[in-house]
Amino acid sequence: MSELSRRDFMKGAVVGTAAISAAGLFAGCAPKSSASSSSSTGSSSSATTSTASYVLDPKTMPDASTGHNFDVAPESKTTVGTTLENLKSAIVGETAATTKYATWAQAAEKEGFPELKRLFSCTSDAEKIHIELEYALASKLDPSYQKPAIPEVPTYTSGTNLIEAANGEIYETSDMYPSFIKAAQAEGNSEAVQIFTRAKLAEAYHAERYLNAYSMIDTPSDETYYLCPVCGYIHKGEDFTACPICLTPKASFKAY
């Protein structure tokens, strides 16, 4: 091959390589073909469907005698007495809680947080369920017992109210109710054990709802809150069939 032919050959090879590289680059930047888009969309849709298909569908109720989240918090702040005394203490605490939440629901509405009003109202009603269950048993043990007076409660900004509420719920679920459950177990009062257990478990979900609302206070969700009329469990959203605490079906829940 002559020198001129060799130079022409190499020049052609370089130009060809550059053209191929450019074509590959532009192909990567260009919109995907319908087949490719369809495949990608199908994959995304499948993933979404898979995620959305998860539904809380409980089959068994939690048990205080076998559960792993019934230990009393270290350095407990709870004064433990007889089961009757503990019922009365719980009613005092729940009465304060339902009053606070009803007050804070109105404060949230005034601040322009309708979703927080729904949550506080829902949780206020949940605590009323606990009060009625505890009062029924306390009255059975002491027919002369009367419910405590309604306390006055302070009001802060909605963000602070959410943290105050979450802290109260965490105390009840990790300290107060576990302490009362152990006392009721020692006395052999199975009815008190069940009442305290259901309240304890519900309070954990209440705390979770409050912390979630606090984290998303400026980017709120408009999902519905559902209240179990039997134990006070609160679910956020549609992805459930029954209460994970007492197995009450979703159809019986009250929406907020």
C-alpha atoms as a PDB file:
ATOM      1  CA  MET A   1       0.000   0.000   0.000  1.00  0.00           C
ATOM      2  CA  SER A   2       1.365   3.433  -0.976  1.00  0.00           C
ATOM      3  CA  GLU A   3       1.962   6.098   1.685  1.00  0.00           C
ATOM      4  CA  LEU A   4      -0.943   8.162   0.270  1.00  0.00           C
ATOM      5  CA  SER A   5      -3.290   5.178   0.396  1.00  0.00           C
ATOM      6  CA  ARG A   6      -2.180   4.396   3.967  1.00  0.00           C
ATOM      7  CA  ARG A   7      -2.934   7.996   5.098  1.00  0.00           C
ATOM      8  CA  ASP A   8      -6.386   7.899   3.456  1.00  0.00           C
ATOM      9  CA  PHE A   9      -7.164   4.579   5.121  1.00  0.00           C
ATOM     10  CA  MET A  10      -6.192   5.786   8.633  1.00  0.00           C
ATOM     11  CA  LYS A  11      -8.150   9.038   8.179  1.00  0.00           C
ATOM     12  CA  GLY A  12     -11.250   7.066   7.229  1.00  0.00           C
ATOM     13  CA  ALA A  13     -10.888   4.769  10.227  1.00  0.00           C
ATOM     14  CA  VAL A  14     -10.608   7.701  12.659  1.00  0.00           C
ATOM     15  CA  VAL A  15     -13.647   9.478  11.200  1.00  0.00           C
ATOM     16  CA  GLY A  16     -15.635   6.239  11.326  1.00  0.00           C
ATOM     17  CA  THR A  17     -14.757   5.613  14.962  1.00  0.00           C
ATOM     18  CA  ALA A  18     -15.727   9.175  15.953  1.00  0.00           C
ATOM     19  CA  ALA A  19     -19.038   8.839  14.154  1.00  0.00           C
ATOM     20  CA  ILE A  20     -19.819   5.596  15.937  1.00  0.00           C
ATOM     21  CA  SER A  21     -18.947   7.114  19.339  1.00  0.00           C
ATOM     22  CA  ALA A  22     -21.105  10.188  18.681  1.00  0.00           C
ATOM     23  CA  ALA A  23     -23.994   8.018  17.580  1.00  0.00           C
ATOM     24  CA  GLY A  24     -23.731   6.022  20.792  1.00  0.00           C
ATOM     25  CA  LEU A  25     -23.663   9.207  22.873  1.00  0.00           C
ATOM     26  CA  PHE A  26     -26.714  10.668  21.167  1.00  0.00           C
ATOM     27  CA  ALA A  27     -28.539   7.370  21.411  1.00  0.00           C
ATOM     28  CA  GLY A  28     -28.005   7.391  25.184  1.00  0.00           C
ATOM     29  CA  CYS A  29     -29.456  10.914  25.427  1.00  0.00           C
ATOM     30  CA  ALA A  30     -32.376  10.321  23.090  1.00  0.00           C
ATOM     31  CA  PRO A  31     -35.872   9.342  24.338  1.00  0.00           C
ATOM     32  CA  LYS A  32     -36.313   5.611  24.735  1.00  0.00           C
ATOM     33  CA  SER A  33     -38.193   3.703  22.131  1.00  0.00           C
ATOM     34  CA  SER A  34     -41.794   2.742  22.827  1.00  0.00           C
ATOM     35  CA  ALA A  35     -40.729  -0.841  23.440  1.00  0.00           C
ATOM     36  CA  SER A  36     -38.063   0.242  25.901  1.00  0.00           C
ATOM     37  CA  SER A  37     -40.418   2.718  27.594  1.00  0.00           C
ATOM     38  CA  SER A  38     -43.087   0.059  27.817  1.00  0.00           C
ATOM     39  CA  SER A  39     -40.664  -2.342  29.442  1.00  0.00           C
ATOM     40  CA  SER A  40     -39.465   0.284  31.899  1.00  0.00           C
ATOM     41  CA  THR A  41     -43.008   1.387  32.720  1.00  0.00           C
ATOM     42  CA  GLY A  42     -44.044  -2.184  33.232  1.00  0.00           C
ATOM     43  CA  SER A  43     -41.206  -2.714  35.669  1.00  0.00           C
ATOM     44  CA  SER A  44     -42.030   0.475  37.570  1.00  0.00           C
ATOM     45  CA  SER A  45     -45.708  -0.400  37.647  1.00  0.00           C
ATOM     46  CA  SER A  46     -44.874  -3.847  38.962  1.00  0.00           C
ATOM     47  CA  ALA A  47     -42.773  -2.365  41.757  1.00  0.00           C
ATOM     48  CA  THR A  48     -45.509   0.091  42.671  1.00  0.00           C
ATOM     49  CA  THR A  49     -48.117  -2.630  42.636  1.00  0.00           C
ATOM     50  CA  SER A  50     -45.907  -4.795  44.818  1.00  0.00           C
ATOM     51  CA  THR A  51     -45.488  -1.989  47.349  1.00  0.00           C
ATOM     52  CA  ALA A  52     -49.155  -1.029  47.294  1.00  0.00           C
ATOM     53  CA  SER A  53     -50.221  -4.643  47.679  1.00  0.00           C
ATOM     54  CA  TYR A  54     -48.935  -4.749  51.268  1.00  0.00           C
ATOM     55  CA  VAL A  55     -51.924  -4.631  53.606  1.00  0.00           C
ATOM     56  CA  LEU A  56     -51.956  -4.971  57.375  1.00  0.00           C
ATOM     57  CA  ASP A  57     -53.948  -8.181  57.828  1.00  0.00           C
ATOM     58  CA  PRO A  58     -53.506  -9.395  61.435  1.00  0.00           C
ATOM     59  CA  LYS A  59     -54.539 -12.900  62.469  1.00  0.00           C
ATOM     60  CA  THR A  60     -53.527 -13.110  66.133  1.00  0.00           C
ATOM     61  CA  MET A  61     -53.819 -10.735  69.073  1.00  0.00           C
ATOM     62  CA  PRO A  62     -50.716  -9.618  71.035  1.00  0.00           C
ATOM     63  CA  ASP A  63     -50.316 -11.243  74.445  1.00  0.00           C
ATOM     64  CA  ALA A  64     -48.780  -9.567  77.484  1.00  0.00           C
ATOM     65  CA  SER A  65     -47.483 -12.899  78.771  1.00  0.00           C
ATOM     66  CA  THR A  66     -45.472 -13.647  75.630  1.00  0.00           C
ATOM     67  CA  GLY A  67     -44.849 -10.250  73.992  1.00  0.00           C
ATOM     68  CA  HIS A  68     -41.363  -8.765  73.899  1.00  0.00           C
ATOM     69  CA  ASN A  69     -42.394  -5.116  74.301  1.00  0.00           C
ATOM     70  CA  PHE A  70     -43.908  -5.215  77.779  1.00  0.00           C
ATOM     71  CA  ASP A  71     -40.829  -4.444  79.873  1.00  0.00           C
ATOM     72  CA  VAL A  72     -41.004  -1.482  82.241  1.00  0.00           C
ATOM     73  CA  ALA A  73     -38.732   1.431  81.308  1.00  0.00           C
ATOM     74  CA  PRO A  74     -35.537   1.784  83.360  1.00  0.00           C
ATOM     75  CA  GLU A  75     -35.870   4.243  86.243  1.00  0.00           C
ATOM     76  CA  SER A  76     -39.647   3.934  86.114  1.00  0.00           C
ATOM     77  CA  LYS A  77     -41.614   7.043  87.051  1.00  0.00           C
ATOM     78  CA  THR A  78     -44.781   5.090  87.848  1.00  0.00           C
ATOM     79  CA  THR A  79     -46.148   4.614  91.347  1.00  0.00           C
ATOM     80  CA  VAL A  80     -47.671   1.141  91.423  1.00  0.00           C
ATOM     81  CA  GLY A  81     -50.431   0.180  93.847  1.00  0.00           C
ATOM     82  CA  THR A  82     -53.223  -2.369  93.776  1.00  0.00           C
ATOM     83  CA  THR A  83     -55.018  -2.981  90.498  1.00  0.00           C
ATOM     84  CA  LEU A  84     -57.900  -0.793  91.680  1.00  0.00           C
ATOM     85  CA  GLU A  85     -55.493   2.034  92.537  1.00  0.00           C
ATOM     86  CA  ASN A  86     -53.755   1.573  89.202  1.00  0.00           C
ATOM     87  CA  LEU A  87     -57.066   1.754  87.344  1.00  0.00           C
ATOM     88  CA  LYS A  88     -57.858   5.030  89.083  1.00  0.00           C
ATOM     89  CA  SER A  89     -54.407   6.415  88.235  1.00  0.00           C
ATOM     90  CA  ALA A  90     -54.805   5.376  84.609  1.00  0.00           C
ATOM     91  CA  ILE A  91     -58.190   7.100  84.409  1.00  0.00           C
ATOM     92  CA  VAL A  92     -56.679  10.314  85.759  1.00  0.00           C
ATOM     93  CA  GLY A  93     -53.931  10.149  83.118  1.00  0.00           C
ATOM     94  CA  GLU A  94     -56.308   9.314  80.277  1.00  0.00           C
ATOM     95  CA  THR A  95     -58.707  12.075  81.349  1.00  0.00           C
ATOM     96  CA  ALA A  96     -55.877  14.598  81.147  1.00  0.00           C
ATOM     97  CA  ALA A  97     -54.866  13.198  77.743  1.00  0.00           C
ATOM     98  CA  THR A  98     -58.319  13.323  76.164  1.00  0.00           C
ATOM     99  CA  THR A  99     -58.798  16.869  77.434  1.00  0.00           C
ATOM    100  CA  LYS A 100     -55.424  18.023  76.110  1.00  0.00           C
ATOM    101  CA  TYR A 101     -55.974  16.493  72.697  1.00  0.00           C
ATOM    102  CA  ALA A 102     -59.438  18.012  72.308  1.00  0.00           C
ATOM    103  CA  THR A 103     -58.010  21.426  73.234  1.00  0.00           C
ATOM    104  CA  TRP A 104     -55.027  21.020  70.929  1.00  0.00           C
ATOM    105  CA  ALA A 105     -57.312  19.984  68.068  1.00  0.00           C
ATOM    106  CA  GLN A 106     -58.979  23.384  68.256  1.00  0.00           C
ATOM    107  CA  ALA A 107     -55.590  25.116  68.465  1.00  0.00           C
ATOM    108  CA  ALA A 108     -54.423  23.237  65.344  1.00  0.00           C
ATOM    109  CA  GLU A 109     -57.499  24.366  63.430  1.00  0.00           C
ATOM    110  CA  LYS A 110     -56.853  27.998  64.381  1.00  0.00           C
ATOM    111  CA  GLU A 111     -53.242  27.678  63.203  1.00  0.00           C
ATOM    112  CA  GLY A 112     -54.362  26.331  59.846  1.00  0.00           C
ATOM    113  CA  PHE A 113     -53.555  22.628  60.357  1.00  0.00           C
ATOM    114  CA  PRO A 114     -56.804  20.760  59.575  1.00  0.00           C
ATOM    115  CA  GLU A 115     -54.964  17.427  59.336  1.00  0.00           C
ATOM    116  CA  LEU A 116     -53.605  17.905  62.868  1.00  0.00           C
ATOM    117  CA  LYS A 117     -57.076  18.750  64.115  1.00  0.00           C
ATOM    118  CA  ARG A 118     -58.242  15.383  62.752  1.00  0.00           C
ATOM    119  CA  LEU A 119     -55.386  13.537  64.444  1.00  0.00           C
ATOM    120  CA  PHE A 120     -55.846  15.228  67.819  1.00  0.00           C
ATOM    121  CA  SER A 121     -59.616  14.708  67.687  1.00  0.00           C
ATOM    122  CA  CYS A 122     -59.176  11.040  66.766  1.00  0.00           C
ATOM    123  CA  THR A 123     -56.706  10.442  69.591  1.00  0.00           C
ATOM    124  CA  SER A 124     -58.873  12.318  72.086  1.00  0.00           C
ATOM    125  CA  ASP A 125     -61.700   9.911  71.269  1.00  0.00           C
ATOM    126  CA  ALA A 126     -59.318   6.959  71.551  1.00  0.00           C
ATOM    127  CA  GLU A 127     -58.443   7.932  75.122  1.00  0.00           C
ATOM    128  CA  LYS A 128     -62.159   8.086  75.940  1.00  0.00           C
ATOM    129  CA  ILE A 129     -62.378   4.414  74.985  1.00  0.00           C
ATOM    130  CA  HIS A 130     -59.615   3.609  77.486  1.00  0.00           C
ATOM    131  CA  ILE A 131     -61.343   5.662  80.169  1.00  0.00           C
ATOM    132  CA  GLU A 132     -64.632   3.804  79.736  1.00  0.00           C
ATOM    133  CA  LEU A 133     -62.970   0.380  79.837  1.00  0.00           C
ATOM    134  CA  GLU A 134     -60.965   1.250  82.941  1.00  0.00           C
ATOM    135  CA  TYR A 135     -63.899   2.961  84.654  1.00  0.00           C
ATOM    136  CA  ALA A 136     -66.176  -0.057  84.099  1.00  0.00           C
ATOM    137  CA  LEU A 137     -63.715  -2.331  85.902  1.00  0.00           C
ATOM    138  CA  ALA A 138     -62.884   0.224  88.615  1.00  0.00           C
ATOM    139  CA  SER A 139     -66.604   0.632  89.335  1.00  0.00           C
ATOM    140  CA  LYS A 140     -66.964  -3.121  89.596  1.00  0.00           C
ATOM    141  CA  LEU A 141     -64.169  -3.249  92.178  1.00  0.00           C
ATOM    142  CA  ASP A 142     -65.339  -0.071  93.952  1.00  0.00           C
ATOM    143  CA  PRO A 143     -69.002   0.844  93.235  1.00  0.00           C
ATOM    144  CA  SER A 144     -68.566   4.227  94.958  1.00  0.00           C
ATOM    145  CA  TYR A 145     -65.789   5.363  92.624  1.00  0.00           C
ATOM    146  CA  GLN A 146     -66.436   8.533  90.636  1.00  0.00           C
ATOM    147  CA  LYS A 147     -64.550   9.808  87.586  1.00  0.00           C
ATOM    148  CA  PRO A 148     -62.022  12.599  88.239  1.00  0.00           C
ATOM    149  CA  ALA A 149     -62.696  16.255  87.435  1.00  0.00           C
ATOM    150  CA  ILE A 150     -61.717  17.570  84.000  1.00  0.00           C
ATOM    151  CA  PRO A 151     -58.344  19.335  84.315  1.00  0.00           C
ATOM    152  CA  GLU A 152     -57.263  22.595  82.732  1.00  0.00           C
ATOM    153  CA  VAL A 153     -54.516  22.114  80.162  1.00  0.00           C
ATOM    154  CA  PRO A 154     -51.866  24.420  78.684  1.00  0.00           C
ATOM    155  CA  THR A 155     -51.711  25.079  74.951  1.00  0.00           C
ATOM    156  CA  TYR A 156     -48.552  25.641  72.917  1.00  0.00           C
ATOM    157  CA  THR A 157     -47.879  25.825  69.211  1.00  0.00           C
ATOM    158  CA  SER A 158     -49.038  22.759  67.283  1.00  0.00           C
ATOM    159  CA  GLY A 159     -45.460  21.539  66.793  1.00  0.00           C
ATOM    160  CA  THR A 160     -44.823  21.608  70.536  1.00  0.00           C
ATOM    161  CA  ASN A 161     -48.235  20.091  71.244  1.00  0.00           C
ATOM    162  CA  LEU A 162     -47.328  17.126  69.021  1.00  0.00           C
ATOM    163  CA  ILE A 163     -44.082  16.502  70.895  1.00  0.00           C
ATOM    164  CA  GLU A 164     -45.811  16.859  74.271  1.00  0.00           C
ATOM    165  CA  ALA A 165     -48.436  14.375  73.119  1.00  0.00           C
ATOM    166  CA  ALA A 166     -45.866  11.898  71.793  1.00  0.00           C
ATOM    167  CA  ASN A 167     -43.881  12.048  75.047  1.00  0.00           C
ATOM    168  CA  GLY A 168     -47.015  11.329  77.053  1.00  0.00           C
ATOM    169  CA  GLU A 169     -47.929   8.371  74.869  1.00  0.00           C
ATOM    170  CA  ILE A 170     -44.407   6.961  75.054  1.00  0.00           C
ATOM    171  CA  TYR A 171     -44.476   7.170  78.857  1.00  0.00           C
ATOM    172  CA  GLU A 172     -47.784   5.306  79.010  1.00  0.00           C
ATOM    173  CA  THR A 173     -46.728   2.569  76.594  1.00  0.00           C
ATOM    174  CA  SER A 174     -43.218   2.018  77.990  1.00  0.00           C
ATOM    175  CA  ASP A 175     -43.649   2.665  81.706  1.00  0.00           C
ATOM    176  CA  MET A 176     -47.115   3.190  83.191  1.00  0.00           C
ATOM    177  CA  TYR A 177     -49.104   0.448  81.514  1.00  0.00           C
ATOM    178  CA  PRO A 178     -46.360  -2.212  81.623  1.00  0.00           C
ATOM    179  CA  SER A 179     -46.080  -1.525  85.377  1.00  0.00           C
ATOM    180  CA  PHE A 180     -49.832  -1.872  85.845  1.00  0.00           C
ATOM    181  CA  ILE A 181     -49.933  -5.029  83.712  1.00  0.00           C
ATOM    182  CA  LYS A 182     -47.329  -6.732  85.904  1.00  0.00           C
ATOM    183  CA  ALA A 183     -49.267  -5.801  89.051  1.00  0.00           C
ATOM    184  CA  ALA A 184     -52.512  -7.150  87.571  1.00  0.00           C
ATOM    185  CA  GLN A 185     -50.756 -10.362  86.538  1.00  0.00           C
ATOM    186  CA  ALA A 186     -49.444 -10.785  90.089  1.00  0.00           C
ATOM    187  CA  GLU A 187     -52.999 -10.358  91.437  1.00  0.00           C
ATOM    188  CA  GLY A 188     -54.391 -12.772  88.861  1.00  0.00           C
ATOM    189  CA  ASN A 189     -56.781 -10.136  87.465  1.00  0.00           C
ATOM    190  CA  SER A 190     -57.039 -11.203  83.827  1.00  0.00           C
ATOM    191  CA  GLU A 191     -59.649  -8.553  82.968  1.00  0.00           C
ATOM    192  CA  ALA A 192     -57.321  -5.777  84.129  1.00  0.00           C
ATOM    193  CA  VAL A 193     -54.431  -7.372  82.231  1.00  0.00           C
ATOM    194  CA  GLN A 194     -56.433  -7.260  79.001  1.00  0.00           C
ATOM    195  CA  ILE A 195     -57.620  -3.676  79.513  1.00  0.00           C
ATOM    196  CA  PHE A 196     -54.132  -2.408  80.354  1.00  0.00           C
ATOM    197  CA  THR A 197     -52.573  -4.437  77.522  1.00  0.00           C
ATOM    198  CA  ARG A 198     -54.854  -3.036  74.856  1.00  0.00           C
ATOM    199  CA  ALA A 199     -54.368   0.510  76.140  1.00  0.00           C
ATOM    200  CA  LYS A 200     -50.580   0.042  76.293  1.00  0.00           C
ATOM    201  CA  LEU A 201     -50.398  -1.204  72.711  1.00  0.00           C
ATOM    202  CA  ALA A 202     -52.707   1.514  71.386  1.00  0.00           C
ATOM    203  CA  GLU A 203     -50.604   4.241  73.026  1.00  0.00           C
ATOM    204  CA  ALA A 204     -47.551   3.051  71.079  1.00  0.00           C
ATOM    205  CA  TYR A 205     -49.407   3.634  67.808  1.00  0.00           C
ATOM    206  CA  HIS A 206     -50.611   7.025  69.057  1.00  0.00           C
ATOM    207  CA  ALA A 207     -47.014   8.057  69.718  1.00  0.00           C
ATOM    208  CA  GLU A 208     -46.047   6.916  66.229  1.00  0.00           C
ATOM    209  CA  ARG A 209     -48.848   8.961  64.650  1.00  0.00           C
ATOM    210  CA  TYR A 210     -47.815  12.073  66.602  1.00  0.00           C
ATOM    211  CA  LEU A 211     -44.138  11.770  65.699  1.00  0.00           C
ATOM    212  CA  ASN A 212     -45.011  11.215  62.043  1.00  0.00           C
ATOM    213  CA  ALA A 213     -47.233  14.304  62.079  1.00  0.00           C
ATOM    214  CA  TYR A 214     -44.479  16.327  63.744  1.00  0.00           C
ATOM    215  CA  SER A 215     -41.909  15.288  61.135  1.00  0.00           C
ATOM    216  CA  MET A 216     -44.288  16.174  58.290  1.00  0.00           C
ATOM    217  CA  ILE A 217     -45.981  19.218  59.802  1.00  0.00           C
ATOM    218  CA  ASP A 218     -45.039  21.418  56.810  1.00  0.00           C
ATOM    219  CA  THR A 219     -45.662  18.703  54.203  1.00  0.00           C
ATOM    220  CA  PRO A 220     -48.791  17.040  55.604  1.00  0.00           C
ATOM    221  CA  SER A 221     -50.608  14.041  54.227  1.00  0.00           C
ATOM    222  CA  ASP A 222     -54.361  14.136  53.679  1.00  0.00           C
ATOM    223  CA  GLU A 223     -54.733  10.426  54.445  1.00  0.00           C
ATOM    224  CA  THR A 224     -57.661   9.386  56.617  1.00  0.00           C
ATOM    225  CA  TYR A 225     -57.190   8.351  60.249  1.00  0.00           C
ATOM    226  CA  TYR A 226     -59.232   5.353  61.397  1.00  0.00           C
ATOM    227  CA  LEU A 227     -60.112   4.657  65.046  1.00  0.00           C
ATOM    228  CA  CYS A 228     -60.820   1.180  66.420  1.00  0.00           C
ATOM    229  CA  PRO A 229     -63.944   1.490  68.605  1.00  0.00           C
ATOM    230  CA  VAL A 230     -62.912  -1.425  70.828  1.00  0.00           C
ATOM    231  CA  CYS A 231     -59.335  -0.681  71.921  1.00  0.00           C
ATOM    232  CA  GLY A 232     -58.449   2.804  70.649  1.00  0.00           C
ATOM    233  CA  TYR A 233     -55.925   1.745  67.991  1.00  0.00           C
ATOM    234  CA  ILE A 234     -55.442   4.392  65.268  1.00  0.00           C
ATOM    235  CA  HIS A 235     -54.494   3.562  61.675  1.00  0.00           C
ATOM    236  CA  LYS A 236     -53.386   6.092  59.070  1.00  0.00           C
ATOM    237  CA  GLY A 237     -54.383   5.277  55.483  1.00  0.00           C
ATOM    238  CA  GLU A 238     -56.398   2.580  53.784  1.00  0.00           C
ATOM    239  CA  ASP A 239     -53.938  -0.339  53.829  1.00  0.00           C
ATOM    240  CA  PHE A 240     -55.429  -2.510  56.570  1.00  0.00           C
ATOM    241  CA  THR A 241     -58.195  -5.051  57.090  1.00  0.00           C
ATOM    242  CA  ALA A 242     -58.486  -5.191  60.876  1.00  0.00           C
ATOM    243  CA  CYS A 243     -57.097  -3.909  64.162  1.00  0.00           C
ATOM    244  CA  PRO A 244     -53.702  -5.475  64.984  1.00  0.00           C
ATOM    245  CA  ILE A 245     -54.512  -5.295  68.705  1.00  0.00           C
ATOM    246  CA  CYS A 246     -58.056  -6.715  69.037  1.00  0.00           C
ATOM    247  CA  LEU A 247     -58.807  -7.859  65.438  1.00  0.00           C
ATOM    248  CA  THR A 248     -61.881  -5.630  65.068  1.00  0.00           C
ATOM    249  CA  PRO A 249     -62.606  -5.395  61.293  1.00  0.00           C
ATOM    250  CA  LYS A 250     -61.953  -2.179  59.376  1.00  0.00           C
ATOM    251  CA  ALA A 251     -65.668  -1.795  58.597  1.00  0.00           C
ATOM    252  CA  SER A 252     -66.298  -0.999  62.269  1.00  0.00           C
ATOM    253  CA  PHE A 253     -63.669   1.762  62.477  1.00  0.00           C
ATOM    254  CA  LYS A 254     -64.576   5.456  62.646  1.00  0.00           C
ATOM    255  CA  ALA A 255     -62.953   7.700  60.027  1.00  0.00           C
ATOM    256  CA  TYR A 256     -61.433  11.135  60.718  1.00  0.00           C
END
